[in-house]
PDB file of N, CA and C in Angstrom:
ATOM      1  N   MET A   1     -13.191  -2.316  57.182  1.00  0.00           N
ATOM      2  CA  MET A   1     -13.167  -2.489  55.472  1.00  0.00           C
ATOM      3  C   MET A   1     -14.059  -1.306  55.047  1.00  0.00           C
ATOM      4  N   ILE A   2     -13.640  -0.626  54.061  1.00  0.00           N
ATOM      5  CA  ILE A   2     -14.795   0.438  53.500  1.00  0.00           C
ATOM      6  C   ILE A   2     -15.566  -0.291  52.608  1.00  0.00           C
ATOM      7  N   PRO A   3     -16.959  -0.087  52.777  1.00  0.00           N
ATOM      8  CA  PRO A   3     -17.844  -0.394  51.748  1.00  0.00           C
ATOM      9  C   PRO A   3     -17.641   0.230  50.393  1.00  0.00           C
ATOM     10  N   ILE A   4     -17.732  -0.685  49.298  1.00  0.00           N
ATOM     11  CA  ILE A   4     -17.792  -0.137  47.991  1.00  0.00           C
ATOM     12  C   ILE A   4     -19.269   0.038  47.667  1.00  0.00           C
ATOM     13  N   GLU A   5     -19.445   1.363  47.243  1.00  0.00           N
ATOM     14  CA  GLU A   5     -20.672   1.618  46.657  1.00  0.00           C
ATOM     15  C   GLU A   5     -21.041   0.929  45.316  1.00  0.00           C
ATOM     16  N   PRO A   6     -22.303   0.934  44.998  1.00  0.00           N
ATOM     17  CA  PRO A   6     -22.635   0.335  43.693  1.00  0.00           C
ATOM     18  C   PRO A   6     -22.528   1.065  42.379  1.00  0.00           C
ATOM     19  N   VAL A   7     -22.137   2.295  42.660  1.00  0.00           N
ATOM     20  CA  VAL A   7     -22.026   3.059  41.433  1.00  0.00           C
ATOM     21  C   VAL A   7     -20.398   2.772  41.201  1.00  0.00           C
ATOM     22  N   SER A   8     -19.292   2.619  42.352  1.00  0.00           N
ATOM     23  CA  SER A   8     -18.238   2.323  41.907  1.00  0.00           C
ATOM     24  C   SER A   8     -17.976   0.952  41.446  1.00  0.00           C
ATOM     25  N   LEU A   9     -18.898  -0.170  41.774  1.00  0.00           N
ATOM     26  CA  LEU A   9     -18.996  -1.358  41.110  1.00  0.00           C
ATOM     27  C   LEU A   9     -19.171  -1.118  39.694  1.00  0.00           C
ATOM     28  N   THR A  10     -20.179  -0.508  39.366  1.00  0.00           N
ATOM     29  CA  THR A  10     -20.495  -0.377  37.815  1.00  0.00           C
ATOM     30  C   THR A  10     -19.233   0.051  37.148  1.00  0.00           C
ATOM     31  N   ILE A  11     -18.759   1.248  37.556  1.00  0.00           N
ATOM     32  CA  ILE A  11     -17.702   1.901  36.572  1.00  0.00           C
ATOM     33  C   ILE A  11     -16.669   0.972  36.793  1.00  0.00           C
ATOM     34  N   GLY A  12     -16.263   0.217  37.793  1.00  0.00           N
ATOM     35  CA  GLY A  12     -15.001  -0.598  37.822  1.00  0.00           C
ATOM     36  C   GLY A  12     -15.605  -1.820  36.816  1.00  0.00           C
ATOM     37  N   ALA A  13     -16.965  -2.169  36.597  1.00  0.00           N
ATOM     38  CA  ALA A  13     -17.257  -3.247  35.621  1.00  0.00           C
ATOM     39  C   ALA A  13     -17.096  -2.938  34.147  1.00  0.00           C
ATOM     40  N   VAL A  14     -17.477  -1.648  34.134  1.00  0.00           N
ATOM     41  CA  VAL A  14     -17.503  -1.019  32.701  1.00  0.00           C
ATOM     42  C   VAL A  14     -16.022  -0.889  32.249  1.00  0.00           C
ATOM     43  N   ALA A  15     -15.229  -0.262  33.208  1.00  0.00           N
ATOM     44  CA  ALA A  15     -13.736  -0.030  32.838  1.00  0.00           C
ATOM     45  C   ALA A  15     -13.189  -1.886  32.555  1.00  0.00           C
ATOM     46  N   LEU A  16     -13.314  -2.541  33.472  1.00  0.00           N
ATOM     47  CA  LEU A  16     -12.605  -3.907  33.202  1.00  0.00           C
ATOM     48  C   LEU A  16     -13.127  -4.677  31.742  1.00  0.00           C
ATOM     49  N   ALA A  17     -14.548  -4.201  31.320  1.00  0.00           N
ATOM     50  CA  ALA A  17     -15.108  -4.568  30.205  1.00  0.00           C
ATOM     51  C   ALA A  17     -14.286  -4.154  28.960  1.00  0.00           C
ATOM     52  N   GLY A  18     -14.065  -2.590  28.991  1.00  0.00           N
ATOM     53  CA  GLY A  18     -13.726  -1.924  28.043  1.00  0.00           C
ATOM     54  C   GLY A  18     -12.312  -2.349  28.014  1.00  0.00           C
ATOM     55  N   LEU A  19     -11.419  -2.538  29.137  1.00  0.00           N
ATOM     56  CA  LEU A  19     -10.147  -3.274  28.788  1.00  0.00           C
ATOM     57  C   LEU A  19     -10.039  -4.421  28.341  1.00  0.00           C
ATOM     58  N   PHE A  20     -11.002  -5.530  28.652  1.00  0.00           N
ATOM     59  CA  PHE A  20     -11.350  -6.551  27.688  1.00  0.00           C
ATOM     60  C   PHE A  20     -11.456  -6.363  26.602  1.00  0.00           C
ATOM     61  N   SER A  21     -12.240  -5.583  26.281  1.00  0.00           N
ATOM     62  CA  SER A  21     -12.843  -5.383  24.703  1.00  0.00           C
ATOM     63  C   SER A  21     -11.534  -4.902  23.907  1.00  0.00           C
ATOM     64  N   LEU A  22     -10.606  -3.987  24.690  1.00  0.00           N
ATOM     65  CA  LEU A  22      -9.519  -3.444  23.654  1.00  0.00           C
ATOM     66  C   LEU A  22      -8.559  -4.466  23.871  1.00  0.00           C
ATOM     67  N   CYS A  23      -8.067  -5.748  24.815  1.00  0.00           N
ATOM     68  CA  CYS A  23      -7.294  -6.612  24.678  1.00  0.00           C
ATOM     69  C   CYS A  23      -7.763  -7.673  23.318  1.00  0.00           C
ATOM     70  N   VAL A  24      -8.818  -7.905  23.232  1.00  0.00           N
ATOM     71  CA  VAL A  24      -9.557  -8.647  22.083  1.00  0.00           C
ATOM     72  C   VAL A  24      -9.313  -7.831  20.912  1.00  0.00           C
ATOM     73  N   GLN A  25      -9.212  -6.653  20.843  1.00  0.00           N
ATOM     74  CA  GLN A  25      -9.097  -6.094  19.470  1.00  0.00           C
ATOM     75  C   GLN A  25      -7.407  -6.031  18.974  1.00  0.00           C
ATOM     76  N   CYS A  26      -6.717  -6.005  20.043  1.00  0.00           N
ATOM     77  CA  CYS A  26      -5.227  -6.098  20.042  1.00  0.00           C
ATOM     78  C   CYS A  26      -4.990  -7.440  19.157  1.00  0.00           C
ATOM     79  N   PHE A  27      -5.714  -8.472  19.711  1.00  0.00           N
ATOM     80  CA  PHE A  27      -5.538  -9.841  19.049  1.00  0.00           C
ATOM     81  C   PHE A  27      -5.742  -9.618  17.734  1.00  0.00           C
ATOM     82  N   ASP A  28      -7.146  -9.191  17.413  1.00  0.00           N
ATOM     83  CA  ASP A  28      -7.364  -8.792  16.163  1.00  0.00           C
ATOM     84  C   ASP A  28      -6.604  -8.198  15.013  1.00  0.00           C
ATOM     85  N   LEU A  29      -5.797  -7.061  15.518  1.00  0.00           N
ATOM     86  CA  LEU A  29      -4.909  -6.376  14.975  1.00  0.00           C
ATOM     87  C   LEU A  29      -3.808  -7.104  14.600  1.00  0.00           C
ATOM     88  N   ILE A  30      -3.313  -7.807  15.647  1.00  0.00           N
ATOM     89  CA  ILE A  30      -2.257  -8.787  15.153  1.00  0.00           C
ATOM     90  C   ILE A  30      -2.364  -9.865  14.298  1.00  0.00           C
ATOM     91  N   GLU A  31      -3.751 -10.316  13.913  1.00  0.00           N
ATOM     92  CA  GLU A  31      -4.120 -11.169  12.961  1.00  0.00           C
ATOM     93  C   GLU A  31      -4.240 -10.331  11.614  1.00  0.00           C
ATOM     94  N   ILE A  32      -4.553  -9.330  11.796  1.00  0.00           N
ATOM     95  CA  ILE A  32      -4.810  -8.246  10.594  1.00  0.00           C
ATOM     96  C   ILE A  32      -3.245  -8.022   9.972  1.00  0.00           C
ATOM     97  N   GLY A  33      -2.502  -7.614  11.040  1.00  0.00           N
ATOM     98  CA  GLY A  33      -1.027  -7.314  10.483  1.00  0.00           C
ATOM     99  C   GLY A  33      -0.507  -8.418   9.896  1.00  0.00           C
ATOM    100  N   GLN A  34      -0.648  -9.786  10.230  1.00  0.00           N
ATOM    101  CA  GLN A  34       0.065 -10.823   9.567  1.00  0.00           C
ATOM    102  C   GLN A  34      -0.553 -10.885   8.102  1.00  0.00           C
ATOM    103  N   LYS A  35      -1.728 -10.678   7.940  1.00  0.00           N
ATOM    104  CA  LYS A  35      -2.511 -10.734   6.885  1.00  0.00           C
ATOM    105  C   LYS A  35      -1.728  -9.552   5.799  1.00  0.00           C
ATOM    106  N   VAL A  36      -1.750  -8.298   6.304  1.00  0.00           N
ATOM    107  CA  VAL A  36      -1.189  -7.198   5.708  1.00  0.00           C
ATOM    108  C   VAL A  36       0.216  -7.613   5.215  1.00  0.00           C
ATOM    109  N   SER A  37       0.986  -8.048   5.919  1.00  0.00           N
ATOM    110  CA  SER A  37       2.502  -8.464   5.634  1.00  0.00           C
ATOM    111  C   SER A  37       2.556  -9.415   4.528  1.00  0.00           C
ATOM    112  N   ALA A  38       1.651 -10.175   4.230  1.00  0.00           N
ATOM    113  CA  ALA A  38       1.538 -11.072   3.004  1.00  0.00           C
ATOM    114  C   ALA A  38       1.095 -10.279   1.702  1.00  0.00           C
ATOM    115  N   ASP A  39       0.057  -9.380   1.932  1.00  0.00           N
ATOM    116  CA  ASP A  39      -0.527  -8.692   1.158  1.00  0.00           C
ATOM    117  C   ASP A  39       0.603  -7.837   0.506  1.00  0.00           C
ATOM    118  N   TYR A  40       1.379  -7.395   1.705  1.00  0.00           N
ATOM    119  CA  TYR A  40       2.343  -6.042   1.052  1.00  0.00           C
ATOM    120  C   TYR A  40       3.394  -6.889   0.340  1.00  0.00           C
ATOM    121  N   GLU A  41       3.722  -7.715   0.567  1.00  0.00           N
ATOM    122  CA  GLU A  41       4.643  -8.983   0.069  1.00  0.00           C
ATOM    123  C   GLU A  41       4.266  -9.118  -1.445  1.00  0.00           C
ATOM    124  N   LEU A  42       3.017  -9.506  -1.758  1.00  0.00           N
ATOM    125  CA  LEU A  42       2.698  -9.734  -2.724  1.00  0.00           C
ATOM    126  C   LEU A  42       2.471  -8.454  -3.614  1.00  0.00           C
ATOM    127  N   LEU A  43       2.088  -7.277  -3.201  1.00  0.00           N
ATOM    128  CA  LEU A  43       2.171  -6.151  -3.710  1.00  0.00           C
ATOM    129  C   LEU A  43       3.452  -5.654  -4.167  1.00  0.00           C
ATOM    130  N   ILE A  44       4.660  -5.648  -3.597  1.00  0.00           N
ATOM    131  CA  ILE A  44       5.947  -5.675  -3.890  1.00  0.00           C
ATOM    132  C   ILE A  44       6.401  -6.569  -5.007  1.00  0.00           C
ATOM    133  N   VAL A  45       6.108  -7.845  -5.121  1.00  0.00           N
ATOM    134  CA  VAL A  45       6.391  -8.541  -6.097  1.00  0.00           C
ATOM    135  C   VAL A  45       5.667  -8.030  -7.395  1.00  0.00           C
ATOM    136  N   LYS A  46       4.477  -7.550  -7.639  1.00  0.00           N
ATOM    137  CA  LYS A  46       3.651  -7.101  -8.597  1.00  0.00           C
ATOM    138  C   LYS A  46       4.265  -5.825  -8.914  1.00  0.00           C
ATOM    139  N   LEU A  47       4.805  -4.931  -8.469  1.00  0.00           N
ATOM    140  CA  LEU A  47       5.506  -3.684  -8.290  1.00  0.00           C
ATOM    141  C   LEU A  47       6.693  -3.806  -9.234  1.00  0.00           C
ATOM    142  N   SER A  48       7.436  -4.831  -8.491  1.00  0.00           N
ATOM    143  CA  SER A  48       8.923  -5.271  -9.168  1.00  0.00           C
ATOM    144  C   SER A  48       8.691  -5.761 -10.658  1.00  0.00           C
ATOM    145  N   ILE A  49       7.624  -6.381 -10.960  1.00  0.00           N
ATOM    146  CA  ILE A  49       7.371  -7.001 -12.238  1.00  0.00           C
ATOM    147  C   ILE A  49       6.963  -6.110 -13.218  1.00  0.00           C
ATOM    148  N   GLU A  50       5.847  -4.852 -12.680  1.00  0.00           N
ATOM    149  CA  GLU A  50       5.604  -3.865 -13.658  1.00  0.00           C
ATOM    150  C   GLU A  50       6.790  -3.030 -13.783  1.00  0.00           C
ATOM    151  N   LYS A  51       7.917  -2.928 -12.761  1.00  0.00           N
ATOM    152  CA  LYS A  51       8.951  -1.835 -12.965  1.00  0.00           C
ATOM    153  C   LYS A  51       9.933  -2.548 -14.107  1.00  0.00           C
ATOM    154  N   ARG A  52      10.163  -3.950 -13.858  1.00  0.00           N
ATOM    155  CA  ARG A  52      10.944  -4.643 -15.167  1.00  0.00           C
ATOM    156  C   ARG A  52      10.370  -4.352 -16.373  1.00  0.00           C
ATOM    157  N   ARG A  53       8.967  -4.609 -16.589  1.00  0.00           N
ATOM    158  CA  ARG A  53       8.192  -4.325 -17.816  1.00  0.00           C
ATOM    159  C   ARG A  53       8.657  -2.949 -18.442  1.00  0.00           C
ATOM    160  N   LEU A  54       8.362  -2.007 -17.619  1.00  0.00           N
ATOM    161  CA  LEU A  54       8.449  -0.845 -17.777  1.00  0.00           C
ATOM    162  C   LEU A  54       9.981  -0.407 -18.479  1.00  0.00           C
ATOM    163  N   MET A  55      10.975  -0.867 -17.742  1.00  0.00           N
ATOM    164  CA  MET A  55      12.403  -0.719 -17.868  1.00  0.00           C
ATOM    165  C   MET A  55      12.491  -1.409 -19.494  1.00  0.00           C
ATOM    166  N   THR A  56      12.360  -2.705 -19.545  1.00  0.00           N
ATOM    167  CA  THR A  56      12.138  -3.221 -20.765  1.00  0.00           C
ATOM    168  C   THR A  56      11.697  -2.400 -21.957  1.00  0.00           C
ATOM    169  N   TRP A  57      10.416  -1.995 -21.655  1.00  0.00           N
ATOM    170  CA  TRP A  57       9.939  -1.307 -22.520  1.00  0.00           C
ATOM    171  C   TRP A  57      10.514  -0.005 -23.092  1.00  0.00           C
ATOM    172  N   GLY A  58      11.044   0.471 -22.083  1.00  0.00           N
ATOM    173  CA  GLY A  58      11.921   1.738 -22.005  1.00  0.00           C
ATOM    174  C   GLY A  58      13.467   1.640 -23.079  1.00  0.00           C
ATOM    175  N   GLU A  59      13.851   0.415 -22.666  1.00  0.00           N
ATOM    176  CA  GLU A  59      15.215   0.019 -23.303  1.00  0.00           C
ATOM    177  C   GLU A  59      14.873  -0.204 -24.723  1.00  0.00           C
ATOM    178  N   ALA A  60      13.856  -0.923 -25.079  1.00  0.00           N
ATOM    179  CA  ALA A  60      13.358  -1.048 -26.574  1.00  0.00           C
ATOM    180  C   ALA A  60      13.391  -0.229 -27.373  1.00  0.00           C
ATOM    181  N   ILE A  61      12.830   0.651 -26.816  1.00  0.00           N
ATOM    182  CA  ILE A  61      12.321   1.931 -27.776  1.00  0.00           C
ATOM    183  C   ILE A  61      13.197   3.002 -27.462  1.00  0.00           C
ATOM    184  N   GLY A  62      14.303   2.905 -26.776  1.00  0.00           N
ATOM    185  CA  GLY A  62      15.229   4.114 -26.527  1.00  0.00           C
ATOM    186  C   GLY A  62      14.864   5.177 -25.868  1.00  0.00           C
ATOM    187  N   ILE A  63      14.089   5.160 -24.856  1.00  0.00           N
ATOM    188  CA  ILE A  63      13.653   6.094 -24.586  1.00  0.00           C
ATOM    189  C   ILE A  63      14.754   7.267 -23.947  1.00  0.00           C
ATOM    190  N   LEU A  64      15.663   6.463 -23.272  1.00  0.00           N
ATOM    191  CA  LEU A  64      16.725   7.354 -22.786  1.00  0.00           C
ATOM    192  C   LEU A  64      18.000   7.582 -23.537  1.00  0.00           C
ATOM    193  N   ARG A  65      18.055   7.235 -24.772  1.00  0.00           N
ATOM    194  CA  ARG A  65      18.815   7.542 -25.652  1.00  0.00           C
ATOM    195  C   ARG A  65      18.934   8.734 -26.282  1.00  0.00           C
ATOM    196  N   PRO A  66      19.781   9.050 -27.137  1.00  0.00           N
ATOM    197  CA  PRO A  66      19.886  10.536 -27.653  1.00  0.00           C
ATOM    198  C   PRO A  66      18.515  10.461 -28.779  1.00  0.00           C
ATOM    199  N   ASP A  67      18.066  11.249 -29.638  1.00  0.00           N
ATOM    200  CA  ASP A  67      16.957  11.559 -30.149  1.00  0.00           C
ATOM    201  C   ASP A  67      17.110  10.657 -31.321  1.00  0.00           C
ATOM    202  N   GLN A  68      18.360  10.538 -32.064  1.00  0.00           N
ATOM    203  CA  GLN A  68      18.740   9.884 -33.387  1.00  0.00           C
ATOM    204  C   GLN A  68      18.691   8.373 -33.329  1.00  0.00           C
ATOM    205  N   ASP A  69      18.793   7.981 -32.007  1.00  0.00           N
ATOM    206  CA  ASP A  69      18.958   6.351 -31.454  1.00  0.00           C
ATOM    207  C   ASP A  69      17.419   5.819 -31.299  1.00  0.00           C
ATOM    208  N   ARG A  70      16.425   6.828 -30.952  1.00  0.00           N
ATOM    209  CA  ARG A  70      15.063   6.383 -30.336  1.00  0.00           C
ATOM    210  C   ARG A  70      14.306   5.851 -31.536  1.00  0.00           C
ATOM    211  N   ASP A  71      13.426   5.003 -30.995  1.00  0.00           N
ATOM    212  CA  ASP A  71      12.172   4.600 -31.589  1.00  0.00           C
ATOM    213  C   ASP A  71      11.608   5.705 -32.740  1.00  0.00           C
ATOM    214  N   PRO A  72      11.197   5.890 -33.826  1.00  0.00           N
ATOM    215  CA  PRO A  72      10.658   6.884 -34.497  1.00  0.00           C
ATOM    216  C   PRO A  72       9.324   6.880 -34.078  1.00  0.00           C
ATOM    217  N   VAL A  73       8.601   5.959 -33.447  1.00  0.00           N
ATOM    218  CA  VAL A  73       7.378   6.203 -33.001  1.00  0.00           C
ATOM    219  C   VAL A  73       7.322   7.278 -31.741  1.00  0.00           C
ATOM    220  N   LEU A  74       8.579   7.518 -31.148  1.00  0.00           N
ATOM    221  CA  LEU A  74       8.517   8.550 -30.012  1.00  0.00           C
ATOM    222  C   LEU A  74       8.493   9.906 -30.648  1.00  0.00           C
ATOM    223  N   HIS A  75       8.859  10.099 -31.815  1.00  0.00           N
ATOM    224  CA  HIS A  75       8.810  11.483 -32.520  1.00  0.00           C
ATOM    225  C   HIS A  75       7.320  11.846 -32.939  1.00  0.00           C
ATOM    226  N   ASP A  76       6.306  11.092 -33.034  1.00  0.00           N
ATOM    227  CA  ASP A  76       4.758  11.382 -33.025  1.00  0.00           C
ATOM    228  C   ASP A  76       4.307  11.915 -32.324  1.00  0.00           C
ATOM    229  N   PRO A  77       4.104  13.351 -32.483  1.00  0.00           N
ATOM    230  CA  PRO A  77       3.485  14.126 -31.257  1.00  0.00           C
ATOM    231  C   PRO A  77       2.263  13.535 -30.444  1.00  0.00           C
ATOM    232  N   GLU A  78       1.164  12.790 -31.204  1.00  0.00           N
ATOM    233  CA  GLU A  78       0.358  12.329 -30.464  1.00  0.00           C
ATOM    234  C   GLU A  78       0.539  10.816 -29.527  1.00  0.00           C
ATOM    235  N   THR A  79       1.677  10.284 -30.296  1.00  0.00           N
ATOM    236  CA  THR A  79       2.301   9.049 -29.080  1.00  0.00           C
ATOM    237  C   THR A  79       2.956   9.487 -28.064  1.00  0.00           C
ATOM    238  N   ARG A  80       3.752  10.593 -28.249  1.00  0.00           N
ATOM    239  CA  ARG A  80       4.501  11.158 -27.507  1.00  0.00           C
ATOM    240  C   ARG A  80       3.467  11.734 -26.113  1.00  0.00           C
ATOM    241  N   LYS A  81       2.601  12.350 -26.507  1.00  0.00           N
ATOM    242  CA  LYS A  81       1.690  12.974 -25.703  1.00  0.00           C
ATOM    243  C   LYS A  81       0.889  11.856 -24.988  1.00  0.00           C
ATOM    244  N   LEU A  82       0.400  10.897 -25.229  1.00  0.00           N
ATOM    245  CA  LEU A  82      -0.062   9.430 -24.754  1.00  0.00           C
ATOM    246  C   LEU A  82       1.185   8.777 -23.755  1.00  0.00           C
ATOM    247  N   ILE A  83       2.175   8.916 -24.170  1.00  0.00           N
ATOM    248  CA  ILE A  83       3.345   8.273 -23.396  1.00  0.00           C
ATOM    249  C   ILE A  83       3.628   9.321 -22.161  1.00  0.00           C
ATOM    250  N   GLU A  84       3.387  10.396 -22.485  1.00  0.00           N
ATOM    251  CA  GLU A  84       3.477  11.538 -21.192  1.00  0.00           C
ATOM    252  C   GLU A  84       2.638  11.301 -20.195  1.00  0.00           C
ATOM    253  N   ARG A  85       1.426  11.213 -20.822  1.00  0.00           N
ATOM    254  CA  ARG A  85       0.200  11.204 -19.873  1.00  0.00           C
ATOM    255  C   ARG A  85       0.148   9.851 -19.178  1.00  0.00           C
ATOM    256  N   ILE A  86       0.558   8.731 -19.685  1.00  0.00           N
ATOM    257  CA  ILE A  86       0.731   7.332 -19.020  1.00  0.00           C
ATOM    258  C   ILE A  86       1.777   7.359 -18.055  1.00  0.00           C
ATOM    259  N   LEU A  87       2.947   7.838 -18.183  1.00  0.00           N
ATOM    260  CA  LEU A  87       3.878   8.007 -17.486  1.00  0.00           C
ATOM    261  C   LEU A  87       3.778   8.893 -16.123  1.00  0.00           C
ATOM    262  N   SER A  88       3.125   9.829 -16.497  1.00  0.00           N
ATOM    263  CA  SER A  88       2.698  10.982 -15.444  1.00  0.00           C
ATOM    264  C   SER A  88       1.414  10.327 -14.479  1.00  0.00           C
ATOM    265  N   SER A  89       0.926   9.266 -14.886  1.00  0.00           N
ATOM    266  CA  SER A  89      -0.022   8.753 -13.990  1.00  0.00           C
ATOM    267  C   SER A  89       0.600   7.534 -13.169  1.00  0.00           C
ATOM    268  N   VAL A  90       1.713   7.014 -13.506  1.00  0.00           N
ATOM    269  CA  VAL A  90       2.505   6.210 -12.642  1.00  0.00           C
ATOM    270  C   VAL A  90       2.953   6.530 -11.099  1.00  0.00           C
TER     271      VAL A  90
END
């Protein structure tokens, strides 16, 4: 039988401890992943609500219609500039 030197035992123990820590971290990542999935679903629902609100607003003021059919508020330069800034930030 070949004797194992103390240095080899120390390196082996450190490697084993590192592997163990990595396994524990993997379990933590799985738990975090499950939470992210729920958070992601909530964000998708909120984004869908905001999209519907934007579409409803756009339809109400006629933003996609020809100029003569649009809400007169869109002809105001300050309002138009503000709307452009808002839509650019989305």
